[in-house]
Amino acid sequence: MSSKQPFKRHRFPAEIILCAVRMYLRYPLSYQDVTDLMAERGLDVDRSTVFRWVQKFGPELSRRDCCINQFPGCSRCQQAHILC
């Protein structure tokens, strides 16, 4: 994700992609579970799409979400996941 516009040419907005990837990384969910959760929110996303998003954006999110890895109980982290 070193480019200035990493979400360019994606069908879904960046917020939806980030929400799906964060759900997969944060909780013990399968790609199908994430797809089902997105469907409950009215979004038709295939599990292979979630897989590609995790492969593309997951490593960078893991590096940037130091709050999740180092301080699992901090309020900033909890607010971010509530908004997702």
Protein backbone atom coordinates (compact mmCIF):
# COMPACT_ATOMS: atom_id res chain seq x y z
CA MET A 1 0.00 0.00 0.00
CA SER A 2 2.85 2.35 -0.67
CA SER A 3 1.03 4.16 -3.48
CA LYS A 4 -0.91 7.32 -2.74
CA GLN A 5 -4.25 5.84 -3.78
CA PRO A 6 -4.24 2.17 -2.75
CA PHE A 7 -8.01 1.78 -3.22
CA LYS A 8 -8.13 3.13 -6.75
CA ARG A 9 -10.06 0.93 -9.21
CA HIS A 10 -11.85 -1.02 -6.49
CA ARG A 11 -15.60 -1.47 -6.72
CA PHE A 12 -16.23 -0.83 -3.03
CA PRO A 13 -15.26 2.27 -1.04
CA ALA A 14 -12.17 2.19 1.13
CA GLU A 15 -14.23 2.13 4.35
CA ILE A 16 -15.95 -1.13 3.37
CA ILE A 17 -12.71 -2.79 2.30
CA LEU A 18 -10.99 -1.75 5.52
CA CYS A 19 -13.91 -2.92 7.63
CA ALA A 20 -13.89 -6.37 6.00
CA VAL A 21 -10.13 -6.77 6.32
CA ARG A 22 -10.11 -5.58 9.93
CA MET A 23 -12.88 -8.02 10.84
CA TYR A 24 -10.90 -10.88 9.32
CA LEU A 25 -7.64 -9.88 11.01
CA ARG A 26 -9.09 -9.03 14.42
CA TYR A 27 -11.48 -11.93 14.99
CA PRO A 28 -11.18 -15.67 14.26
CA LEU A 29 -13.46 -15.53 11.21
CA SER A 30 -13.31 -17.35 7.90
CA TYR A 31 -13.67 -15.52 4.60
CA GLN A 32 -17.20 -16.88 4.38
CA ASP A 33 -18.00 -15.51 7.85
CA VAL A 34 -16.83 -12.05 6.77
CA THR A 35 -18.91 -12.36 3.60
CA ASP A 36 -21.98 -13.27 5.67
CA LEU A 37 -21.42 -10.31 8.01
CA MET A 38 -21.14 -7.98 5.04
CA ALA A 39 -24.34 -9.47 3.57
CA GLU A 40 -26.13 -8.66 6.84
CA ARG A 41 -25.12 -5.05 6.23
CA GLY A 42 -26.59 -5.18 2.72
CA LEU A 43 -23.33 -5.65 0.80
CA ASP A 44 -22.91 -8.42 -1.76
CA VAL A 45 -19.25 -9.38 -1.48
CA ASP A 46 -17.78 -12.70 -2.61
CA ARG A 47 -15.39 -14.55 -0.30
CA SER A 48 -12.69 -14.57 -2.98
CA THR A 49 -12.90 -10.78 -3.01
CA VAL A 50 -12.39 -10.69 0.75
CA PHE A 51 -9.45 -13.05 0.29
CA ARG A 52 -7.84 -10.70 -2.26
CA TRP A 53 -8.43 -7.69 -0.01
CA VAL A 54 -6.79 -9.46 2.93
CA GLN A 55 -3.82 -10.45 0.78
CA LYS A 56 -3.41 -6.90 -0.56
CA PHE A 57 -4.21 -4.72 2.45
CA GLY A 58 -3.74 -7.09 5.40
CA PRO A 59 0.02 -6.80 5.86
CA GLU A 60 -0.08 -3.00 5.92
CA LEU A 61 -3.03 -2.93 8.31
CA SER A 62 -1.24 -5.34 10.62
CA ARG A 63 1.72 -2.99 10.74
CA ARG A 64 -0.40 0.13 11.24
CA ASP A 65 -2.74 -1.30 13.87
CA CYS A 66 -0.11 -1.38 16.58
CA CYS A 67 -2.87 -0.50 19.00
CA ILE A 68 -4.58 -3.85 18.39
CA ASN A 69 -1.38 -5.86 18.74
CA GLN A 70 0.18 -4.06 21.72
CA PHE A 71 -2.77 -2.66 23.67
CA PRO A 72 -5.88 -4.80 23.06
CA GLY A 73 -7.96 -3.00 25.68
CA CYS A 74 -7.35 0.61 24.70
CA SER A 75 -10.40 2.78 24.01
CA ARG A 76 -9.14 4.10 20.64
CA CYS A 77 -9.05 0.54 19.35
CA GLN A 78 -12.50 -0.30 20.67
CA GLN A 79 -13.99 2.84 19.10
CA ALA A 80 -12.47 1.99 15.74
CA HIS A 81 -14.06 -1.47 15.79
CA ILE A 82 -17.43 -0.18 16.91
CA LEU A 83 -17.49 2.21 13.94
CA CYS A 84 -16.59 -0.60 11.56
